[in-house]
Amino acid sequence: QVQLVESGGGLVQAGDSLRLSCAASGRTFSSYATGWFRQVPGKEREFVAAIEWSGGSTYYADLVKGRFTISRDNAKNTVYLQMNSLKPEDTAIYYCAAGLLTGWGALIRPTSYVYWGQGTQVTASS
């Protein structure tokens, strides 16, 4: 069993940065791939970024590539999402998710993940 808690969201100006954290409980978290997704009201949850359990491979949605960076510290059971140059269209609730997954095809699909956090709101105002 893995429990996930996101933090670090907030209200910022366009162009600013935020770092989201996803803290996990469960001694086997280091075995899980972790993804970040986001959702706005009335739209489907969309893939943002993901990282394999080892941290050796990372994946990004085209909309955030070059601006966002995902990383993990397995010793701290935490995954991070550094978000730079935020745009108003990045405004959403951001969720982290974990699963025993590997490869791009699995990691970009929300339905592949077993465990989800409660989400944290990110608002970038223009």
Foldseek 3Di string as FASTA:
>chain_A
DKAWAKDWADEAAQQAKIKMKIAMDDLCLLQKKKFKWWDDPPDDIFGAKIAHSPRPDIDGDPVQPPFWDWGDDSVRRMIMIIGGRHDQVVWTWMKMFIDNDDDDVLRGDPVNTDYIYPTDTHGHHD
